[in-house]
């Protein structure tokens, strides 16, 4: 199995632990990833609010490059996954947008065909690798570890091509295959506030607090996520969000938990980058790690 890999900006910066654990997991599973050469920002966040059409052209450039590789394009970041899919849909559904994007690609001498299949790692793990193959590779089961799976609002809306928009379960099934216990988490697709913590601090903090409160209320010992901004918000602002009770919940990328189960060394899966040390929790649960 071979895929084109689009890391996006966050996985090379604040979400570096996501990339480290992702690459380690796919190596352990024998899946080959080839990073998209000369990729650029997908145009998420402020780009689309400042210049929507330009943001589609930015995303389309990556899609055109991937199409030339002749492989499905894997996009781990929830925002990148959304924007790349959205660009394809808008180019198809709104001809005038398609004409502008075509003109932009012509100007930089790239093919207009952007019809590459955009895949999320969870989709590939479930539907290409398969849960049985994943289970066979587990060397350190996550037995007894209670995890709240937080999908956020972008991976499943509006283009939930491989999961349910209202009640996604793909991450649940993948982590359960590694031995984890998935707790009830009714806010798993609610927004974390995104960048609102920086622009509307109290609103952003209230959204973060609600997510942490629900995880704690339902007995979660860790939160797993698929989005670098969600991971940052839920981990970095726990002290500020604490009120009557103090939050101290590890917030990890789902790929970090997979890497742990597959025997990848903690420092090779980005655990050293976390604010909250997971080793005491692993010792309490008697979960082995490399």
C-alpha atoms as a PDB file:
ATOM      1  CA  UNK A   1       0.000   0.000   0.000  1.00  0.00           C
ATOM      2  CA  UNK A   2       1.367   3.375  -1.060  1.00  0.00           C
ATOM      3  CA  UNK A   3      -0.088   6.841  -0.566  1.00  0.00           C
ATOM      4  CA  UNK A   4       0.851  10.413  -1.294  1.00  0.00           C
ATOM      5  CA  UNK A   5       1.202  12.248   2.015  1.00  0.00           C
ATOM      6  CA  UNK A   6       0.220  15.871   2.594  1.00  0.00           C
ATOM      7  CA  UNK A   7       1.445  16.972   6.056  1.00  0.00           C
ATOM      8  CA  UNK A   8       0.205  20.550   5.984  1.00  0.00           C
ATOM      9  CA  UNK A   9       1.719  23.371   8.016  1.00  0.00           C
ATOM     10  CA  UNK A  10       0.734  22.287  11.527  1.00  0.00           C
ATOM     11  CA  UNK A  11       2.348  18.849  11.349  1.00  0.00           C
ATOM     12  CA  UNK A  12       5.664  20.540  10.623  1.00  0.00           C
ATOM     13  CA  UNK A  13       5.226  22.928  13.556  1.00  0.00           C
ATOM     14  CA  UNK A  14       3.011  22.818  16.637  1.00  0.00           C
ATOM     15  CA  UNK A  15       1.551  19.451  15.584  1.00  0.00           C
ATOM     16  CA  UNK A  16       4.902  17.800  15.074  1.00  0.00           C
ATOM     17  CA  UNK A  17       4.008  14.975  17.463  1.00  0.00           C
ATOM     18  CA  UNK A  18       1.169  14.072  15.110  1.00  0.00           C
ATOM     19  CA  UNK A  19       3.550  13.623  12.190  1.00  0.00           C
ATOM     20  CA  UNK A  20       6.142  11.742  14.221  1.00  0.00           C
ATOM     21  CA  UNK A  21       3.608   9.254  15.566  1.00  0.00           C
ATOM     22  CA  UNK A  22       1.761   8.966  12.243  1.00  0.00           C
ATOM     23  CA  UNK A  23       4.898   8.102  10.277  1.00  0.00           C
ATOM     24  CA  UNK A  24       5.998   5.628  12.957  1.00  0.00           C
ATOM     25  CA  UNK A  25       2.611   3.891  12.937  1.00  0.00           C
ATOM     26  CA  UNK A  26       2.477   3.516   9.174  1.00  0.00           C
ATOM     27  CA  UNK A  27       6.066   2.225   9.087  1.00  0.00           C
ATOM     28  CA  UNK A  28       5.150  -0.379  11.696  1.00  0.00           C
ATOM     29  CA  UNK A  29       2.161  -1.428   9.583  1.00  0.00           C
ATOM     30  CA  UNK A  30       4.205  -1.643   6.383  1.00  0.00           C
ATOM     31  CA  UNK A  31       2.349   1.206   4.663  1.00  0.00           C
ATOM     32  CA  UNK A  32       4.469   3.437   2.415  1.00  0.00           C
ATOM     33  CA  UNK A  33       3.949   7.198   2.480  1.00  0.00           C
ATOM     34  CA  UNK A  34       5.578   9.569   0.013  1.00  0.00           C
ATOM     35  CA  UNK A  35       5.456  13.211   1.029  1.00  0.00           C
ATOM     36  CA  UNK A  36       4.002  15.476  -1.621  1.00  0.00           C
ATOM     37  CA  UNK A  37       6.897  17.343  -3.195  1.00  0.00           C
ATOM     38  CA  UNK A  38       6.837  21.133  -2.919  1.00  0.00           C
ATOM     39  CA  UNK A  39       3.462  21.207  -1.152  1.00  0.00           C
ATOM     40  CA  UNK A  40       2.053  24.498   0.069  1.00  0.00           C
ATOM     41  CA  UNK A  41      -0.393  25.652   2.758  1.00  0.00           C
ATOM     42  CA  UNK A  42      -3.893  24.363   2.028  1.00  0.00           C
ATOM     43  CA  UNK A  43      -5.404  27.805   2.586  1.00  0.00           C
ATOM     44  CA  UNK A  44      -7.239  27.014   5.815  1.00  0.00           C
ATOM     45  CA  UNK A  45      -8.041  29.437   8.671  1.00  0.00           C
ATOM     46  CA  UNK A  46      -7.448  33.075   7.755  1.00  0.00           C
ATOM     47  CA  UNK A  47      -6.835  32.490   4.042  1.00  0.00           C
ATOM     48  CA  UNK A  48     -10.423  31.505   3.319  1.00  0.00           C
ATOM     49  CA  UNK A  49     -11.832  34.496   5.207  1.00  0.00           C
ATOM     50  CA  UNK A  50      -9.458  36.957   3.524  1.00  0.00           C
ATOM     51  CA  UNK A  51      -9.556  35.614  -0.040  1.00  0.00           C
ATOM     52  CA  UNK A  52     -11.817  32.623  -0.563  1.00  0.00           C
ATOM     53  CA  UNK A  53     -11.032  32.102  -4.249  1.00  0.00           C
ATOM     54  CA  UNK A  54      -7.295  32.368  -3.660  1.00  0.00           C
ATOM     55  CA  UNK A  55      -7.601  29.743  -0.926  1.00  0.00           C
ATOM     56  CA  UNK A  56      -9.221  27.320  -3.376  1.00  0.00           C
ATOM     57  CA  UNK A  57      -6.363  27.910  -5.810  1.00  0.00           C
ATOM     58  CA  UNK A  58      -3.832  27.153  -3.061  1.00  0.00           C
ATOM     59  CA  UNK A  59      -5.567  23.891  -2.214  1.00  0.00           C
ATOM     60  CA  UNK A  60      -5.974  22.984  -5.881  1.00  0.00           C
ATOM     61  CA  UNK A  61      -2.231  23.266  -6.446  1.00  0.00           C
ATOM     62  CA  UNK A  62      -1.654  20.483  -3.910  1.00  0.00           C
ATOM     63  CA  UNK A  63      -4.392  18.371  -5.467  1.00  0.00           C
ATOM     64  CA  UNK A  64      -2.912  18.782  -8.932  1.00  0.00           C
ATOM     65  CA  UNK A  65       0.531  17.741  -7.673  1.00  0.00           C
ATOM     66  CA  UNK A  66      -0.983  14.705  -5.955  1.00  0.00           C
ATOM     67  CA  UNK A  67      -2.948  13.718  -9.052  1.00  0.00           C
ATOM     68  CA  UNK A  68       0.301  13.540 -10.999  1.00  0.00           C
ATOM     69  CA  UNK A  69       1.641  11.041  -8.473  1.00  0.00           C
ATOM     70  CA  UNK A  70      -1.210   8.679  -9.293  1.00  0.00           C
ATOM     71  CA  UNK A  71      -1.992   7.798  -5.673  1.00  0.00           C
ATOM     72  CA  UNK A  72      -4.618   8.612  -3.072  1.00  0.00           C
ATOM     73  CA  UNK A  73      -3.664  11.655  -1.000  1.00  0.00           C
ATOM     74  CA  UNK A  74      -3.576  11.235   2.775  1.00  0.00           C
ATOM     75  CA  UNK A  75      -4.243  14.412   4.792  1.00  0.00           C
ATOM     76  CA  UNK A  76      -4.017  13.842   8.585  1.00  0.00           C
ATOM     77  CA  UNK A  77      -4.876  17.379   9.758  1.00  0.00           C
ATOM     78  CA  UNK A  78      -8.636  17.794  10.123  1.00  0.00           C
ATOM     79  CA  UNK A  79      -8.542  21.304   8.645  1.00  0.00           C
ATOM     80  CA  UNK A  80      -6.430  20.232   5.655  1.00  0.00           C
ATOM     81  CA  UNK A  81      -8.660  17.216   5.098  1.00  0.00           C
ATOM     82  CA  UNK A  82     -11.709  19.498   5.067  1.00  0.00           C
ATOM     83  CA  UNK A  83     -10.226  22.178   2.806  1.00  0.00           C
ATOM     84  CA  UNK A  84      -8.881  19.750   0.196  1.00  0.00           C
ATOM     85  CA  UNK A  85     -12.236  17.974   0.013  1.00  0.00           C
ATOM     86  CA  UNK A  86     -14.139  21.267  -0.023  1.00  0.00           C
ATOM     87  CA  UNK A  87     -12.059  22.560  -2.916  1.00  0.00           C
ATOM     88  CA  UNK A  88     -12.864  19.499  -5.015  1.00  0.00           C
ATOM     89  CA  UNK A  89     -16.574  19.808  -4.249  1.00  0.00           C
ATOM     90  CA  UNK A  90     -16.737  23.549  -4.978  1.00  0.00           C
ATOM     91  CA  UNK A  91     -14.830  23.234  -8.244  1.00  0.00           C
ATOM     92  CA  UNK A  92     -17.324  20.571  -9.364  1.00  0.00           C
ATOM     93  CA  UNK A  93     -20.466  22.243  -8.037  1.00  0.00           C
ATOM     94  CA  UNK A  94     -19.748  25.877  -8.960  1.00  0.00           C
ATOM     95  CA  UNK A  95     -18.414  26.201 -12.529  1.00  0.00           C
ATOM     96  CA  UNK A  96     -17.350  29.812 -12.056  1.00  0.00           C
ATOM     97  CA  UNK A  97     -15.089  28.774  -9.170  1.00  0.00           C
ATOM     98  CA  UNK A  98     -13.754  25.951 -11.322  1.00  0.00           C
ATOM     99  CA  UNK A  99     -12.869  28.424 -14.087  1.00  0.00           C
ATOM    100  CA  UNK A 100     -10.921  30.639 -11.700  1.00  0.00           C
ATOM    101  CA  UNK A 101      -9.055  27.653 -10.236  1.00  0.00           C
ATOM    102  CA  UNK A 102      -8.292  26.327 -13.729  1.00  0.00           C
ATOM    103  CA  UNK A 103      -6.895  29.722 -14.715  1.00  0.00           C
ATOM    104  CA  UNK A 104      -4.682  29.767 -11.602  1.00  0.00           C
ATOM    105  CA  UNK A 105      -3.329  26.293 -12.340  1.00  0.00           C
ATOM    106  CA  UNK A 106      -2.702  27.273 -15.975  1.00  0.00           C
ATOM    107  CA  UNK A 107      -0.720  30.283 -14.819  1.00  0.00           C
ATOM    108  CA  UNK A 108       1.699  28.042 -12.899  1.00  0.00           C
ATOM    109  CA  UNK A 109       1.787  25.359 -15.613  1.00  0.00           C
ATOM    110  CA  UNK A 110       0.034  22.635 -13.638  1.00  0.00           C
ATOM    111  CA  UNK A 111      -2.650  20.240 -14.939  1.00  0.00           C
ATOM    112  CA  UNK A 112      -6.254  21.210 -14.195  1.00  0.00           C
ATOM    113  CA  UNK A 113      -7.198  17.702 -13.095  1.00  0.00           C
ATOM    114  CA  UNK A 114      -7.509  17.746  -9.285  1.00  0.00           C
ATOM    115  CA  UNK A 115      -9.576  14.564  -9.058  1.00  0.00           C
ATOM    116  CA  UNK A 116      -7.370  12.737  -6.591  1.00  0.00           C
ATOM    117  CA  UNK A 117      -9.029  10.849  -3.719  1.00  0.00           C
ATOM    118  CA  UNK A 118      -8.373  12.606  -0.402  1.00  0.00           C
ATOM    119  CA  UNK A 119      -8.090  10.140   2.486  1.00  0.00           C
ATOM    120  CA  UNK A 120      -7.881  10.482   6.244  1.00  0.00           C
ATOM    121  CA  UNK A 121      -5.525   8.131   8.141  1.00  0.00           C
ATOM    122  CA  UNK A 122      -8.502   6.675  10.027  1.00  0.00           C
ATOM    123  CA  UNK A 123     -10.149   5.809   6.714  1.00  0.00           C
ATOM    124  CA  UNK A 124      -6.985   4.044   5.545  1.00  0.00           C
ATOM    125  CA  UNK A 125      -6.525   2.177   8.821  1.00  0.00           C
ATOM    126  CA  UNK A 126     -10.100   0.935   8.817  1.00  0.00           C
ATOM    127  CA  UNK A 127     -10.726   0.228   5.159  1.00  0.00           C
ATOM    128  CA  UNK A 128      -7.304  -0.550   3.678  1.00  0.00           C
ATOM    129  CA  UNK A 129      -5.162  -1.895   6.532  1.00  0.00           C
ATOM    130  CA  UNK A 130      -8.090  -3.423   8.462  1.00  0.00           C
ATOM    131  CA  UNK A 131      -8.660  -3.906  12.170  1.00  0.00           C
ATOM    132  CA  UNK A 132      -7.516  -7.512  12.212  1.00  0.00           C
ATOM    133  CA  UNK A 133      -4.162  -6.614  10.667  1.00  0.00           C
ATOM    134  CA  UNK A 134      -3.829  -3.796  13.199  1.00  0.00           C
ATOM    135  CA  UNK A 135      -4.627  -6.099  16.120  1.00  0.00           C
ATOM    136  CA  UNK A 136      -1.986  -8.555  14.932  1.00  0.00           C
ATOM    137  CA  UNK A 137       0.690  -5.852  15.288  1.00  0.00           C
ATOM    138  CA  UNK A 138      -0.198  -4.793  18.844  1.00  0.00           C
ATOM    139  CA  UNK A 139       2.599  -5.593  21.316  1.00  0.00           C
ATOM    140  CA  UNK A 140       1.630  -3.301  24.217  1.00  0.00           C
ATOM    141  CA  UNK A 141      -2.176  -3.441  24.572  1.00  0.00           C
ATOM    142  CA  UNK A 142      -3.822  -0.335  26.011  1.00  0.00           C
ATOM    143  CA  UNK A 143      -5.793  -2.496  28.418  1.00  0.00           C
ATOM    144  CA  UNK A 144      -7.714  -0.519  31.023  1.00  0.00           C
ATOM    145  CA  UNK A 145      -6.933   2.893  29.545  1.00  0.00           C
ATOM    146  CA  UNK A 146     -10.137   4.948  29.392  1.00  0.00           C
ATOM    147  CA  UNK A 147     -10.102   7.271  26.390  1.00  0.00           C
ATOM    148  CA  UNK A 148     -12.477   9.998  25.222  1.00  0.00           C
ATOM    149  CA  UNK A 149     -12.336  10.184  21.428  1.00  0.00           C
ATOM    150  CA  UNK A 150     -12.617  13.790  20.288  1.00  0.00           C
ATOM    151  CA  UNK A 151     -13.224  14.207  16.559  1.00  0.00           C
ATOM    152  CA  UNK A 152     -13.853  17.927  16.503  1.00  0.00           C
ATOM    153  CA  UNK A 153     -16.053  19.631  13.941  1.00  0.00           C
ATOM    154  CA  UNK A 154     -14.021  19.502  10.718  1.00  0.00           C
ATOM    155  CA  UNK A 155     -13.186  15.866   9.983  1.00  0.00           C
ATOM    156  CA  UNK A 156     -16.796  14.742   9.739  1.00  0.00           C
ATOM    157  CA  UNK A 157     -18.584  17.890   8.571  1.00  0.00           C
ATOM    158  CA  UNK A 158     -19.704  18.317   5.923  1.00  0.00           C
ATOM    159  CA  UNK A 159     -17.729  15.633   4.045  1.00  0.00           C
ATOM    160  CA  UNK A 160     -17.996  12.518   6.217  1.00  0.00           C
ATOM    161  CA  UNK A 161     -17.121  10.119   3.439  1.00  0.00           C
ATOM    162  CA  UNK A 162     -16.070   7.260   5.733  1.00  0.00           C
ATOM    163  CA  UNK A 163     -17.805   7.945   9.054  1.00  0.00           C
ATOM    164  CA  UNK A 164     -21.062   9.164  10.548  1.00  0.00           C
ATOM    165  CA  UNK A 165     -21.397  12.942  10.855  1.00  0.00           C
ATOM    166  CA  UNK A 166     -23.368  12.913  14.102  1.00  0.00           C
ATOM    167  CA  UNK A 167     -21.837   9.929  15.824  1.00  0.00           C
ATOM    168  CA  UNK A 168     -18.449   9.057  14.321  1.00  0.00           C
ATOM    169  CA  UNK A 169     -16.887   5.815  15.547  1.00  0.00           C
ATOM    170  CA  UNK A 170     -13.808   5.282  13.369  1.00  0.00           C
ATOM    171  CA  UNK A 171     -11.350   6.412  16.048  1.00  0.00           C
ATOM    172  CA  UNK A 172     -13.227   4.402  18.666  1.00  0.00           C
ATOM    173  CA  UNK A 173     -12.869   1.192  16.646  1.00  0.00           C
ATOM    174  CA  UNK A 174      -9.194   1.739  15.875  1.00  0.00           C
ATOM    175  CA  UNK A 175      -8.297   2.403  19.522  1.00  0.00           C
ATOM    176  CA  UNK A 176     -10.468  -0.463  20.755  1.00  0.00           C
ATOM    177  CA  UNK A 177      -8.492  -2.748  18.442  1.00  0.00           C
ATOM    178  CA  UNK A 178      -5.445  -1.690  20.474  1.00  0.00           C
ATOM    179  CA  UNK A 179      -7.155  -2.583  23.757  1.00  0.00           C
ATOM    180  CA  UNK A 180      -8.328   0.843  24.926  1.00  0.00           C
ATOM    181  CA  UNK A 181     -11.688   1.415  26.603  1.00  0.00           C
ATOM    182  CA  UNK A 182     -13.712   4.160  24.903  1.00  0.00           C
ATOM    183  CA  UNK A 183     -15.819   6.216  27.289  1.00  0.00           C
ATOM    184  CA  UNK A 184     -19.149   7.854  26.509  1.00  0.00           C
ATOM    185  CA  UNK A 185     -18.363  11.324  25.150  1.00  0.00           C
ATOM    186  CA  UNK A 186     -21.465  13.154  23.849  1.00  0.00           C
ATOM    187  CA  UNK A 187     -19.528  16.282  22.818  1.00  0.00           C
ATOM    188  CA  UNK A 188     -17.095  14.436  20.536  1.00  0.00           C
ATOM    189  CA  UNK A 189     -18.006  16.534  17.478  1.00  0.00           C
ATOM    190  CA  UNK A 190     -18.490  19.863  19.250  1.00  0.00           C
ATOM    191  CA  UNK A 191     -16.161  22.723  18.346  1.00  0.00           C
ATOM    192  CA  UNK A 192     -13.157  23.475  20.577  1.00  0.00           C
ATOM    193  CA  UNK A 193     -13.367  27.143  19.607  1.00  0.00           C
ATOM    194  CA  UNK A 194     -10.517  26.991  17.111  1.00  0.00           C
ATOM    195  CA  UNK A 195      -8.677  30.299  17.167  1.00  0.00           C
ATOM    196  CA  UNK A 196     -11.335  31.984  19.348  1.00  0.00           C
ATOM    197  CA  UNK A 197      -9.140  31.572  22.422  1.00  0.00           C
ATOM    198  CA  UNK A 198      -6.959  34.255  20.858  1.00  0.00           C
ATOM    199  CA  UNK A 199      -9.709  36.502  19.492  1.00  0.00           C
ATOM    200  CA  UNK A 200     -12.641  36.003  21.901  1.00  0.00           C
ATOM    201  CA  UNK A 201     -10.852  34.553  24.953  1.00  0.00           C
ATOM    202  CA  UNK A 202     -13.827  33.940  27.239  1.00  0.00           C
ATOM    203  CA  UNK A 203     -15.921  32.285  24.535  1.00  0.00           C
ATOM    204  CA  UNK A 204     -12.987  30.141  23.472  1.00  0.00           C
ATOM    205  CA  UNK A 205     -12.205  29.164  27.053  1.00  0.00           C
ATOM    206  CA  UNK A 206     -15.826  28.202  27.759  1.00  0.00           C
ATOM    207  CA  UNK A 207     -15.835  25.849  24.756  1.00  0.00           C
ATOM    208  CA  UNK A 208     -12.573  24.264  25.908  1.00  0.00           C
ATOM    209  CA  UNK A 209     -13.856  23.937  29.471  1.00  0.00           C
ATOM    210  CA  UNK A 210     -17.006  22.143  28.324  1.00  0.00           C
ATOM    211  CA  UNK A 211     -15.007  19.540  26.421  1.00  0.00           C
ATOM    212  CA  UNK A 212     -12.638  18.908  29.323  1.00  0.00           C
ATOM    213  CA  UNK A 213     -15.490  18.781  31.825  1.00  0.00           C
ATOM    214  CA  UNK A 214     -17.372  16.143  29.840  1.00  0.00           C
ATOM    215  CA  UNK A 215     -14.257  14.027  29.462  1.00  0.00           C
ATOM    216  CA  UNK A 216     -13.571  14.190  33.185  1.00  0.00           C
ATOM    217  CA  UNK A 217     -17.236  13.593  34.094  1.00  0.00           C
ATOM    218  CA  UNK A 218     -17.312  10.403  32.045  1.00  0.00           C
ATOM    219  CA  UNK A 219     -14.138   8.984  33.533  1.00  0.00           C
ATOM    220  CA  UNK A 220     -11.707   9.616  30.677  1.00  0.00           C
ATOM    221  CA  UNK A 221      -8.049   9.239  31.617  1.00  0.00           C
ATOM    222  CA  UNK A 222      -6.877  10.579  28.248  1.00  0.00           C
ATOM    223  CA  UNK A 223      -8.350  12.415  25.268  1.00  0.00           C
ATOM    224  CA  UNK A 224      -7.494  11.345  21.728  1.00  0.00           C
ATOM    225  CA  UNK A 225      -7.890  13.748  18.831  1.00  0.00           C
ATOM    226  CA  UNK A 226      -7.263  14.142  15.088  1.00  0.00           C
ATOM    227  CA  UNK A 227      -6.679  17.904  14.919  1.00  0.00           C
ATOM    228  CA  UNK A 228      -3.551  19.903  15.855  1.00  0.00           C
ATOM    229  CA  UNK A 229      -5.521  22.979  16.904  1.00  0.00           C
ATOM    230  CA  UNK A 230      -7.932  20.916  19.002  1.00  0.00           C
ATOM    231  CA  UNK A 231      -5.005  19.155  20.654  1.00  0.00           C
ATOM    232  CA  UNK A 232      -3.330  22.459  21.455  1.00  0.00           C
ATOM    233  CA  UNK A 233      -6.460  24.077  22.870  1.00  0.00           C
ATOM    234  CA  UNK A 234      -7.433  21.146  25.074  1.00  0.00           C
ATOM    235  CA  UNK A 235      -3.916  20.621  26.418  1.00  0.00           C
ATOM    236  CA  UNK A 236      -2.495  24.119  26.727  1.00  0.00           C
ATOM    237  CA  UNK A 237      -5.414  25.786  28.533  1.00  0.00           C
ATOM    238  CA  UNK A 238      -6.278  23.183  31.156  1.00  0.00           C
ATOM    239  CA  UNK A 239      -4.997  25.271  34.058  1.00  0.00           C
ATOM    240  CA  UNK A 240      -6.878  28.342  32.852  1.00  0.00           C
ATOM    241  CA  UNK A 241     -10.051  26.328  32.260  1.00  0.00           C
ATOM    242  CA  UNK A 242      -9.971  24.734  35.718  1.00  0.00           C
ATOM    243  CA  UNK A 243     -12.585  26.040  38.152  1.00  0.00           C
ATOM    244  CA  UNK A 244     -13.931  23.979  41.076  1.00  0.00           C
ATOM    245  CA  UNK A 245     -11.911  20.973  39.940  1.00  0.00           C
ATOM    246  CA  UNK A 246      -8.489  20.910  38.333  1.00  0.00           C
ATOM    247  CA  UNK A 247      -8.007  19.386  34.901  1.00  0.00           C
ATOM    248  CA  UNK A 248      -5.001  17.164  34.360  1.00  0.00           C
ATOM    249  CA  UNK A 249      -5.864  14.995  31.354  1.00  0.00           C
ATOM    250  CA  UNK A 250      -3.312  13.958  28.722  1.00  0.00           C
ATOM    251  CA  UNK A 251      -4.475  15.111  25.282  1.00  0.00           C
ATOM    252  CA  UNK A 252      -2.873  13.022  22.571  1.00  0.00           C
ATOM    253  CA  UNK A 253      -3.147  12.377  18.875  1.00  0.00           C
ATOM    254  CA  UNK A 254      -4.816   9.057  18.231  1.00  0.00           C
ATOM    255  CA  UNK A 255      -1.673   8.049  16.340  1.00  0.00           C
ATOM    256  CA  UNK A 256       0.372   8.450  19.528  1.00  0.00           C
ATOM    257  CA  UNK A 257      -1.789   5.869  21.281  1.00  0.00           C
ATOM    258  CA  UNK A 258      -1.484   3.587  18.254  1.00  0.00           C
ATOM    259  CA  UNK A 259       2.286   4.020  18.277  1.00  0.00           C
ATOM    260  CA  UNK A 260       2.372   3.127  21.967  1.00  0.00           C
ATOM    261  CA  UNK A 261       0.390  -0.051  21.312  1.00  0.00           C
ATOM    262  CA  UNK A 262       2.584  -0.989  18.346  1.00  0.00           C
ATOM    263  CA  UNK A 263       5.762  -0.782  20.394  1.00  0.00           C
ATOM    264  CA  UNK A 264       7.125   2.505  19.072  1.00  0.00           C
ATOM    265  CA  UNK A 265       9.415   4.276  21.531  1.00  0.00           C
ATOM    266  CA  UNK A 266       7.708   7.185  23.294  1.00  0.00           C
ATOM    267  CA  UNK A 267      10.244   9.760  22.105  1.00  0.00           C
ATOM    268  CA  UNK A 268       9.811   8.561  18.522  1.00  0.00           C
ATOM    269  CA  UNK A 269       6.067   9.205  18.750  1.00  0.00           C
ATOM    270  CA  UNK A 270       6.266  12.754  20.118  1.00  0.00           C
ATOM    271  CA  UNK A 271       5.288  12.040  23.738  1.00  0.00           C
ATOM    272  CA  UNK A 272       8.155  14.216  24.966  1.00  0.00           C
ATOM    273  CA  UNK A 273       6.376  17.198  23.432  1.00  0.00           C
ATOM    274  CA  UNK A 274       3.329  16.865  25.681  1.00  0.00           C
ATOM    275  CA  UNK A 275       2.720  19.230  28.577  1.00  0.00           C
ATOM    276  CA  UNK A 276       1.285  16.364  30.635  1.00  0.00           C
ATOM    277  CA  UNK A 277       3.589  13.394  31.179  1.00  0.00           C
ATOM    278  CA  UNK A 278       1.771  10.162  30.318  1.00  0.00           C
ATOM    279  CA  UNK A 279       4.270   7.843  32.035  1.00  0.00           C
ATOM    280  CA  UNK A 280       2.583   7.957  35.489  1.00  0.00           C
ATOM    281  CA  UNK A 281      -0.730   6.981  33.897  1.00  0.00           C
ATOM    282  CA  UNK A 282       0.886   4.119  31.986  1.00  0.00           C
ATOM    283  CA  UNK A 283       2.530   2.897  35.189  1.00  0.00           C
ATOM    284  CA  UNK A 284      -0.793   3.053  37.043  1.00  0.00           C
ATOM    285  CA  UNK A 285      -2.472   1.023  34.283  1.00  0.00           C
ATOM    286  CA  UNK A 286       0.510  -1.338  34.010  1.00  0.00           C
ATOM    287  CA  UNK A 287       0.749  -0.615  30.294  1.00  0.00           C
ATOM    288  CA  UNK A 288       4.177  -1.471  28.938  1.00  0.00           C
ATOM    289  CA  UNK A 289       5.981   0.964  26.659  1.00  0.00           C
ATOM    290  CA  UNK A 290       9.253   1.149  24.769  1.00  0.00           C
END
